[in-house]
Amino acid sequence: MLAAEISMNNLSFGGMTDPGVVRSVNQDSYYIDPEQRFFIVADGMGGHAGGQEASQIATETIQAHLEEHWNSPLTAGELLQEAITVANEKIIEDQLKNPERQDMGTTLVMAIVRDDGSWYTHIGDSRLYRFREQKLEQVTEDHTWIARAIKMGDMSKEEAKNHPWRHILFQCLGRRDLPPVTVSPLDLQSGDSLILCSDGLTEELSDEEISDYLQTGADCQEIVKNLVAAAKEAGGSDNITVVMVTQN
């Protein structure tokens, strides 16, 4: 179990990852930039420690790229796209060197806060939520076949809850055919909170339950700890990672 909490002038944030109740290996990774510039959650997949490796490569590569090029003339959105491209290439390089990990991949959700604006991106089913004026909104749209079926009206959310295909992704890092990643402006106002999480949280807790914890008014790290504990209590069938950021 890993946890971190930081409070600074503009943002308060906390983060935590836990293997959950069922799995012995934690394939999730997360990173909170101490200078409150960017926040990353990645959920790896693949046997022979591949998932753990993929999420770590993605997190560490993006962290290093953003730190090195933070003051580049690129916009925040362009810098984010570039960092993700480099991370995807690094994972593929590792696959070629280690054939036993050739099926590994990872989801990604992250937010970046720079003078020229705030942006977010995601790949897979790790999510970004925004909590504003006591209302929780899912900002990202899962890159799963089930989410696509719901959007098309072919399946209800109730039907999707226990569907055997609910975790099958049509997009993840670690693929040569990765389509251009969408990077979008992030509207972040005073009093807003962001939740970045792996599906280990959302598989166990509904949006309404997540919202209930955010409404308690506790500090970021306390809320993160409570969310992880609740997900474990509800079954903890997967690794659970949560990062919370509040604009003061």
Protein backbone atom coordinates (compact mmCIF):
# COMPACT_ATOMS: atom_id res chain seq x y z
CA MET A 1 0.00 0.00 0.00
CA LEU A 2 1.43 3.35 -1.04
CA ALA A 3 0.04 6.73 -0.11
CA ALA A 4 1.04 10.34 -0.58
CA GLU A 5 -0.41 13.65 0.47
CA ILE A 6 0.69 17.17 -0.42
CA SER A 7 -0.88 20.58 0.16
CA MET A 8 0.35 23.70 -1.59
CA ASN A 9 -0.91 27.20 -2.27
CA ASN A 10 -3.31 26.42 -5.10
CA LEU A 11 -3.96 22.70 -5.01
CA SER A 12 -4.40 20.06 -2.37
CA PHE A 13 -3.95 16.46 -3.40
CA GLY A 14 -3.49 12.93 -2.20
CA GLY A 15 -2.99 9.52 -3.73
CA MET A 16 -2.94 5.86 -2.85
CA THR A 17 -2.59 2.47 -4.50
CA ASP A 18 -3.51 -0.91 -3.04
CA PRO A 19 -3.38 -4.43 -4.52
CA GLY A 20 -6.92 -5.12 -3.33
CA VAL A 21 -8.20 -8.30 -1.73
CA VAL A 22 -7.87 -10.86 -4.54
CA ARG A 23 -4.65 -10.11 -6.43
CA SER A 24 -1.18 -10.60 -4.98
CA VAL A 25 0.58 -8.29 -7.46
CA ASN A 26 -0.23 -4.61 -7.90
CA GLN A 27 -0.09 -3.73 -11.61
CA ASP A 28 -1.25 -0.14 -11.04
CA SER A 29 1.11 2.85 -10.90
CA TYR A 30 0.54 6.49 -10.09
CA TYR A 31 2.52 9.68 -9.81
CA ILE A 32 1.83 13.03 -8.16
CA ASP A 33 4.22 15.78 -9.21
CA PRO A 34 5.49 17.53 -6.04
CA GLU A 35 5.30 20.85 -7.89
CA GLN A 36 1.57 20.26 -8.59
CA ARG A 37 2.01 20.28 -12.36
CA PHE A 38 0.72 16.85 -13.39
CA PHE A 39 -0.99 13.74 -12.05
CA ILE A 40 -0.89 10.21 -13.52
CA VAL A 41 -2.70 6.91 -12.94
CA ALA A 42 -1.92 3.79 -15.02
CA ASP A 43 -3.40 0.29 -14.80
CA GLY A 44 -1.24 -2.39 -16.39
CA MET A 45 -2.25 -5.70 -17.96
CA GLY A 46 -0.39 -8.75 -19.22
CA GLY A 47 1.19 -11.86 -17.72
CA HIS A 48 4.76 -12.51 -16.52
CA ALA A 49 4.81 -9.18 -14.60
CA GLY A 50 4.08 -7.44 -17.89
CA GLY A 51 1.25 -5.31 -16.55
CA GLN A 52 3.31 -4.04 -13.66
CA GLU A 53 6.17 -3.25 -16.02
CA ALA A 54 3.94 -1.50 -18.57
CA SER A 55 2.28 0.81 -16.05
CA GLN A 56 5.64 1.70 -14.50
CA ILE A 57 7.23 2.40 -17.88
CA ALA A 58 4.32 4.65 -18.86
CA THR A 59 4.30 6.56 -15.58
CA GLU A 60 8.08 7.01 -15.36
CA THR A 61 8.51 7.90 -19.04
CA ILE A 62 5.76 10.52 -19.00
CA GLN A 63 7.08 11.95 -15.73
CA ALA A 64 10.62 12.25 -17.11
CA HIS A 65 9.48 13.71 -20.43
CA LEU A 66 7.28 16.35 -18.85
CA GLU A 67 9.96 17.36 -16.35
CA GLU A 68 12.61 17.66 -19.07
CA HIS A 69 10.45 19.58 -21.55
CA TRP A 70 8.17 21.51 -19.19
CA ASN A 71 9.34 24.91 -20.44
CA SER A 72 9.36 23.97 -24.12
CA PRO A 73 7.48 26.20 -26.61
CA LEU A 74 4.93 23.42 -27.12
CA THR A 75 1.47 24.02 -25.70
CA ALA A 76 0.49 21.93 -22.68
CA GLY A 77 -1.71 19.80 -24.91
CA GLU A 78 1.05 19.21 -27.47
CA LEU A 79 3.54 18.37 -24.72
CA LEU A 80 1.12 15.85 -23.27
CA GLN A 81 0.59 14.17 -26.65
CA GLU A 82 4.34 13.98 -27.21
CA ALA A 83 4.92 12.41 -23.77
CA ILE A 84 2.30 9.73 -24.43
CA THR A 85 3.82 8.88 -27.82
CA VAL A 86 7.24 8.45 -26.21
CA ALA A 87 5.74 6.25 -23.46
CA ASN A 88 4.02 4.03 -26.01
CA GLU A 89 7.30 3.59 -27.88
CA LYS A 90 9.14 2.71 -24.65
CA ILE A 91 6.63 -0.03 -23.83
CA ILE A 92 6.94 -1.47 -27.34
CA GLU A 93 10.75 -1.43 -27.02
CA ASP A 94 10.47 -3.43 -23.80
CA GLN A 95 8.12 -5.92 -25.49
CA LEU A 96 10.71 -6.53 -28.22
CA LYS A 97 13.48 -7.10 -25.66
CA ASN A 98 11.30 -9.36 -23.51
CA PRO A 99 9.06 -11.55 -25.71
CA GLU A 100 7.36 -13.02 -22.63
CA ARG A 101 5.87 -9.56 -22.06
CA GLN A 102 4.76 -8.96 -25.65
CA ASP A 103 1.09 -8.86 -24.66
CA MET A 104 1.57 -6.25 -21.93
CA GLY A 105 -0.15 -2.90 -22.05
CA THR A 106 -1.54 -0.24 -19.77
CA THR A 107 -4.36 2.21 -19.41
CA LEU A 108 -3.61 5.83 -18.61
CA VAL A 109 -5.46 8.81 -17.20
CA MET A 110 -3.72 12.07 -16.41
CA ALA A 111 -4.16 15.78 -15.92
CA ILE A 112 -1.62 18.53 -16.53
CA VAL A 113 -1.75 22.06 -15.08
CA ARG A 114 0.45 24.66 -16.77
CA ASP A 115 0.37 28.45 -17.17
CA ASP A 116 -1.09 28.08 -20.67
CA GLY A 117 -3.94 25.92 -19.45
CA SER A 118 -5.05 22.64 -17.89
CA TRP A 119 -5.50 19.53 -20.03
CA TYR A 120 -6.38 15.89 -19.58
CA THR A 121 -6.14 12.67 -21.53
CA HIS A 122 -6.95 9.01 -21.05
CA ILE A 123 -6.51 5.66 -22.75
CA GLY A 124 -8.50 2.60 -21.68
CA ASP A 125 -10.90 2.45 -18.74
CA SER A 126 -9.07 4.42 -16.07
CA ARG A 127 -11.25 7.44 -15.38
CA LEU A 128 -11.20 11.14 -14.61
CA TYR A 129 -14.07 12.55 -12.58
CA ARG A 130 -14.79 16.18 -11.66
CA PHE A 131 -16.68 17.02 -8.47
CA ARG A 132 -18.25 20.48 -8.65
CA GLU A 133 -20.92 22.02 -6.43
CA GLN A 134 -21.69 18.64 -4.83
CA LYS A 135 -22.16 16.92 -8.19
CA LEU A 136 -19.89 14.22 -9.63
CA GLU A 137 -19.31 14.09 -13.39
CA GLN A 138 -17.39 11.45 -15.33
CA VAL A 139 -15.19 13.50 -17.65
CA THR A 140 -13.65 10.62 -19.60
CA GLU A 141 -15.41 7.97 -21.65
CA ASP A 142 -14.14 4.41 -21.21
CA HIS A 143 -12.38 2.91 -24.22
CA THR A 144 -14.28 -0.37 -23.86
CA TRP A 145 -16.63 -2.18 -26.19
CA ILE A 146 -19.28 -2.09 -23.47
CA ALA A 147 -19.08 1.71 -23.06
CA ARG A 148 -19.41 2.03 -26.82
CA ALA A 149 -22.48 -0.25 -26.80
CA ILE A 150 -24.08 1.85 -24.05
CA LYS A 151 -23.42 5.03 -26.00
CA MET A 152 -24.99 3.51 -29.12
CA GLY A 153 -28.05 2.46 -27.14
CA ASP A 154 -27.38 -1.25 -27.65
CA MET A 155 -27.00 -1.96 -23.94
CA SER A 156 -28.16 -0.41 -20.67
CA LYS A 157 -25.82 0.49 -17.81
CA GLU A 158 -27.55 -2.16 -15.69
CA GLU A 159 -26.90 -4.83 -18.34
CA ALA A 160 -23.27 -3.75 -18.56
CA LYS A 161 -22.53 -4.09 -14.85
CA ASN A 162 -21.84 -7.82 -14.94
CA HIS A 163 -21.23 -8.34 -18.65
CA PRO A 164 -18.26 -10.67 -19.26
CA TRP A 165 -16.82 -8.23 -21.82
CA ARG A 166 -16.95 -5.16 -19.59
CA HIS A 167 -13.15 -5.03 -19.18
CA ILE A 168 -12.21 -5.59 -22.82
CA LEU A 169 -10.46 -2.47 -24.12
CA PHE A 170 -10.24 -1.29 -27.70
CA GLN A 171 -7.39 1.07 -26.84
CA CYS A 172 -4.36 0.89 -24.53
CA LEU A 173 -0.72 1.91 -24.42
CA GLY A 174 1.74 -0.67 -25.73
CA ARG A 175 0.23 -1.11 -29.19
CA ARG A 176 1.76 -0.20 -32.55
CA ASP A 177 -1.67 0.65 -33.91
CA LEU A 178 -2.43 3.14 -31.14
CA PRO A 179 -4.61 5.83 -32.75
CA PRO A 180 -3.90 9.53 -32.16
CA VAL A 181 -4.62 10.22 -28.50
CA THR A 182 -7.24 12.83 -27.74
CA VAL A 183 -6.01 15.58 -25.41
CA SER A 184 -8.71 17.94 -24.17
CA PRO A 185 -8.83 21.22 -22.22
CA LEU A 186 -9.73 20.73 -18.57
CA ASP A 187 -12.11 23.21 -16.97
CA LEU A 188 -10.88 23.50 -13.38
CA GLN A 189 -12.50 26.12 -11.15
CA SER A 190 -11.99 27.12 -7.53
CA GLY A 191 -13.59 24.51 -5.28
CA ASP A 192 -13.47 21.76 -7.91
CA SER A 193 -12.03 18.34 -7.12
CA LEU A 194 -10.68 15.79 -9.58
CA ILE A 195 -10.58 12.03 -9.09
CA LEU A 196 -8.22 9.98 -11.25
CA CYS A 197 -8.68 6.26 -10.70
CA SER A 198 -8.16 2.76 -12.02
CA ASP A 199 -11.16 0.52 -12.60
CA GLY A 200 -10.46 -1.24 -9.31
CA LEU A 201 -12.39 1.63 -7.73
CA THR A 202 -15.24 1.93 -10.21
CA GLU A 203 -15.74 -1.83 -10.46
CA GLU A 204 -16.68 -1.86 -6.76
CA LEU A 205 -18.24 1.56 -6.11
CA SER A 206 -20.97 3.35 -8.03
CA ASP A 207 -20.65 7.01 -8.97
CA GLU A 208 -23.22 7.78 -6.26
CA GLU A 209 -21.09 6.04 -3.63
CA ILE A 210 -17.95 7.86 -4.78
CA SER A 211 -19.84 11.15 -4.61
CA ASP A 212 -20.95 10.43 -1.04
CA TYR A 213 -17.33 10.22 0.10
CA LEU A 214 -16.45 13.46 -1.69
CA GLN A 215 -19.28 15.26 0.06
CA THR A 216 -17.83 14.59 3.52
CA GLY A 217 -15.51 17.60 3.29
CA ALA A 218 -12.52 15.63 4.60
CA ASP A 219 -9.03 16.37 3.25
CA CYS A 220 -7.89 14.75 0.01
CA GLN A 221 -5.83 11.98 1.55
CA GLU A 222 -8.56 11.01 4.00
CA ILE A 223 -11.09 10.76 1.18
CA VAL A 224 -8.67 8.72 -0.94
CA LYS A 225 -8.05 6.31 1.96
CA ASN A 226 -11.77 5.95 2.58
CA LEU A 227 -12.49 5.27 -1.10
CA VAL A 228 -9.81 2.57 -1.27
CA ALA A 229 -11.06 0.98 1.96
CA ALA A 230 -14.64 1.00 0.68
CA ALA A 231 -13.61 -0.63 -2.61
CA LYS A 232 -11.79 -3.36 -0.69
CA GLU A 233 -14.78 -3.86 1.59
CA ALA A 234 -17.02 -4.20 -1.48
CA GLY A 235 -14.86 -7.00 -2.87
CA GLY A 236 -11.48 -5.57 -3.85
CA SER A 237 -11.38 -7.79 -6.92
CA ASP A 238 -8.73 -5.70 -8.67
CA ASN A 239 -5.89 -3.34 -7.81
CA ILE A 240 -7.22 0.02 -6.62
CA THR A 241 -5.56 3.38 -7.29
CA VAL A 242 -7.03 6.79 -6.55
CA VAL A 243 -5.57 10.29 -6.91
CA MET A 244 -7.59 13.29 -5.74
CA VAL A 245 -6.81 16.92 -6.59
CA THR A 246 -8.71 19.92 -5.20
CA GLN A 247 -8.45 23.48 -6.52
CA ASN A 248 -8.42 25.67 -3.41
